[in-house]
């Protein structure tokens, strides 16, 4: 799978601004929001973080090139 056929996301703890997880999802995934929300909930539980403090953003391609 080529990099352009995927979307990368990073999950961040709002309280500390620390990145806690990276996730790659294929562009043709029929329900990426479901995967993102399930991952967000899982990370909150595993890390003992209030779910409202866990959010995700799309990673731009140039962030991986640095």
N, C-alpha and C. Protein backbone atom coordinates (compact mmCIF):
# COMPACT_ATOMS: atom_id res chain seq x y z
N UNK A 1 0.84 -1.19 0.00
CA UNK A 1 0.00 0.00 0.00
C UNK A 1 0.88 1.25 0.00
N UNK A 2 0.59 2.14 -0.87
CA UNK A 2 1.36 3.37 -0.95
C UNK A 2 0.94 4.34 0.14
N UNK A 3 1.86 5.20 0.50
CA UNK A 3 1.60 6.19 1.53
C UNK A 3 0.40 7.07 1.18
N UNK A 4 0.23 7.38 -0.09
CA UNK A 4 -0.88 8.26 -0.49
C UNK A 4 -2.23 7.57 -0.37
N UNK A 5 -2.25 6.25 -0.23
CA UNK A 5 -3.49 5.50 -0.08
C UNK A 5 -3.88 5.35 1.39
N UNK A 6 -3.19 6.07 2.27
CA UNK A 6 -3.42 5.96 3.70
C UNK A 6 -3.56 7.34 4.32
N UNK A 7 -4.23 7.39 5.45
CA UNK A 7 -4.30 8.62 6.23
C UNK A 7 -3.71 8.32 7.59
N UNK A 8 -2.86 9.20 8.06
CA UNK A 8 -2.25 9.04 9.37
C UNK A 8 -2.89 10.02 10.35
N UNK A 9 -3.05 9.55 11.57
CA UNK A 9 -3.63 10.36 12.63
C UNK A 9 -2.74 10.26 13.85
N UNK A 10 -2.74 11.33 14.65
CA UNK A 10 -2.07 11.24 15.94
C UNK A 10 -3.08 11.61 17.01
N UNK A 11 -3.01 10.85 18.09
CA UNK A 11 -3.90 11.06 19.23
C UNK A 11 -3.12 11.81 20.29
N UNK A 12 -3.74 12.84 20.83
CA UNK A 12 -3.07 13.74 21.75
C UNK A 12 -3.86 13.84 23.05
N UNK A 13 -3.12 13.88 24.16
CA UNK A 13 -3.72 14.15 25.46
C UNK A 13 -3.81 15.67 25.58
N UNK A 14 -5.02 16.20 25.56
CA UNK A 14 -5.25 17.65 25.63
C UNK A 14 -4.65 18.28 26.87
N UNK A 15 -4.66 17.54 27.96
CA UNK A 15 -4.20 18.09 29.23
C UNK A 15 -2.70 18.35 29.23
N UNK A 16 -1.93 17.44 28.58
CA UNK A 16 -0.47 17.56 28.59
C UNK A 16 0.10 17.95 27.23
N UNK A 17 -0.71 17.89 26.18
CA UNK A 17 -0.28 18.11 24.80
C UNK A 17 0.70 17.06 24.30
N UNK A 18 0.76 15.92 24.99
CA UNK A 18 1.63 14.82 24.56
C UNK A 18 0.93 13.96 23.52
N UNK A 19 1.68 13.53 22.53
CA UNK A 19 1.17 12.57 21.56
C UNK A 19 1.20 11.21 22.24
N UNK A 20 0.07 10.50 22.22
CA UNK A 20 0.03 9.21 22.90
C UNK A 20 -0.10 8.03 21.94
N UNK A 21 -0.40 8.30 20.65
CA UNK A 21 -0.57 7.19 19.73
C UNK A 21 -0.62 7.70 18.30
N UNK A 22 -0.12 6.90 17.37
CA UNK A 22 -0.25 7.16 15.94
C UNK A 22 -1.07 6.03 15.34
N UNK A 23 -1.90 6.35 14.36
CA UNK A 23 -2.75 5.35 13.71
C UNK A 23 -2.78 5.64 12.22
N UNK A 24 -2.69 4.59 11.41
CA UNK A 24 -2.80 4.70 9.96
C UNK A 24 -4.03 3.93 9.51
N UNK A 25 -4.85 4.58 8.71
CA UNK A 25 -6.08 3.97 8.20
C UNK A 25 -6.06 4.08 6.68
N UNK A 26 -6.42 3.00 5.98
CA UNK A 26 -6.49 3.07 4.51
C UNK A 26 -7.51 4.11 4.05
N UNK A 27 -7.20 4.80 2.98
CA UNK A 27 -8.10 5.82 2.44
C UNK A 27 -9.48 5.26 2.09
N UNK A 28 -9.51 3.99 1.67
CA UNK A 28 -10.79 3.41 1.24
C UNK A 28 -11.57 2.76 2.38
N UNK A 29 -11.15 2.97 3.61
CA UNK A 29 -11.88 2.45 4.78
C UNK A 29 -13.29 3.03 4.76
N UNK A 30 -14.33 2.16 4.83
CA UNK A 30 -15.70 2.66 4.75
C UNK A 30 -16.16 3.49 5.95
N UNK A 31 -15.59 3.25 7.13
CA UNK A 31 -16.04 3.97 8.32
C UNK A 31 -14.85 4.38 9.20
N UNK A 32 -14.03 5.32 8.72
CA UNK A 32 -12.86 5.70 9.51
C UNK A 32 -13.23 6.36 10.85
N UNK A 33 -14.35 7.06 10.89
CA UNK A 33 -14.77 7.72 12.13
C UNK A 33 -15.00 6.70 13.25
N UNK A 34 -15.54 5.56 12.90
CA UNK A 34 -15.78 4.50 13.89
C UNK A 34 -14.46 4.01 14.45
N UNK A 35 -13.49 3.76 13.59
CA UNK A 35 -12.17 3.29 14.02
C UNK A 35 -11.50 4.34 14.90
N UNK A 36 -11.59 5.60 14.49
CA UNK A 36 -10.97 6.68 15.26
C UNK A 36 -11.60 6.81 16.64
N UNK A 37 -12.91 6.73 16.71
CA UNK A 37 -13.60 6.87 17.99
C UNK A 37 -13.31 5.67 18.90
N UNK A 38 -13.29 4.46 18.34
CA UNK A 38 -12.98 3.27 19.14
C UNK A 38 -11.55 3.35 19.67
N UNK A 39 -10.64 3.82 18.85
CA UNK A 39 -9.24 3.97 19.27
C UNK A 39 -9.13 5.03 20.37
N UNK A 40 -9.84 6.11 20.21
CA UNK A 40 -9.84 7.19 21.21
C UNK A 40 -10.33 6.67 22.56
N UNK A 41 -11.42 5.91 22.55
CA UNK A 41 -11.96 5.35 23.79
C UNK A 41 -10.98 4.36 24.42
N UNK A 42 -10.40 3.51 23.61
CA UNK A 42 -9.43 2.52 24.10
C UNK A 42 -8.23 3.20 24.74
N UNK A 43 -7.71 4.24 24.09
CA UNK A 43 -6.56 4.95 24.63
C UNK A 43 -6.88 5.63 25.96
N UNK A 44 -8.08 6.19 26.07
CA UNK A 44 -8.49 6.83 27.32
C UNK A 44 -8.51 5.82 28.46
N UNK A 45 -9.09 4.66 28.21
CA UNK A 45 -9.17 3.63 29.25
C UNK A 45 -7.77 3.10 29.60
N UNK A 46 -7.00 2.74 28.59
CA UNK A 46 -5.67 2.17 28.82
C UNK A 46 -4.72 3.13 29.54
N UNK A 47 -4.89 4.42 29.30
CA UNK A 47 -3.98 5.41 29.88
C UNK A 47 -4.56 6.16 31.07
N UNK A 48 -5.78 5.80 31.47
CA UNK A 48 -6.41 6.45 32.60
C UNK A 48 -6.64 7.94 32.39
N UNK A 49 -7.03 8.29 31.17
CA UNK A 49 -7.23 9.69 30.80
C UNK A 49 -8.73 9.91 30.58
N UNK A 50 -9.24 11.02 31.07
CA UNK A 50 -10.63 11.39 30.79
C UNK A 50 -10.79 11.47 29.28
N UNK A 51 -11.83 10.82 28.76
CA UNK A 51 -12.01 10.74 27.30
C UNK A 51 -12.09 12.12 26.65
N UNK A 52 -12.60 13.09 27.36
CA UNK A 52 -12.68 14.44 26.82
C UNK A 52 -11.31 15.08 26.58
N UNK A 53 -10.27 14.48 27.18
CA UNK A 53 -8.91 15.00 27.00
C UNK A 53 -8.15 14.29 25.90
N UNK A 54 -8.76 13.32 25.24
CA UNK A 54 -8.10 12.61 24.15
C UNK A 54 -8.73 13.05 22.84
N UNK A 55 -7.90 13.60 21.96
CA UNK A 55 -8.40 13.95 20.64
C UNK A 55 -7.40 13.51 19.57
N UNK A 56 -7.84 13.54 18.34
CA UNK A 56 -6.96 13.13 17.24
C UNK A 56 -6.98 14.19 16.15
N UNK A 57 -5.87 14.24 15.43
CA UNK A 57 -5.75 15.13 14.28
C UNK A 57 -5.07 14.38 13.15
N UNK A 58 -5.31 14.83 11.95
CA UNK A 58 -4.66 14.24 10.78
C UNK A 58 -3.21 14.69 10.74
N UNK A 59 -2.33 13.75 10.44
CA UNK A 59 -0.91 14.06 10.33
C UNK A 59 -0.61 14.43 8.89
N UNK A 60 0.06 15.54 8.69
CA UNK A 60 0.44 15.92 7.33
C UNK A 60 1.65 15.08 6.89
N UNK A 61 1.77 14.89 5.60
CA UNK A 61 2.85 14.07 5.05
C UNK A 61 4.23 14.57 5.46
N UNK A 62 4.42 15.87 5.51
CA UNK A 62 5.75 16.40 5.81
C UNK A 62 6.19 16.12 7.24
N UNK A 63 5.27 15.81 8.15
CA UNK A 63 5.66 15.49 9.53
C UNK A 63 6.47 14.20 9.60
N UNK A 64 6.23 13.27 8.68
CA UNK A 64 6.97 12.02 8.67
C UNK A 64 8.31 12.16 7.95
N UNK A 65 8.46 13.20 7.17
CA UNK A 65 9.69 13.39 6.42
C UNK A 65 10.80 14.06 7.23
N UNK A 66 10.46 14.60 8.38
CA UNK A 66 11.44 15.35 9.17
C UNK A 66 12.36 14.42 9.93
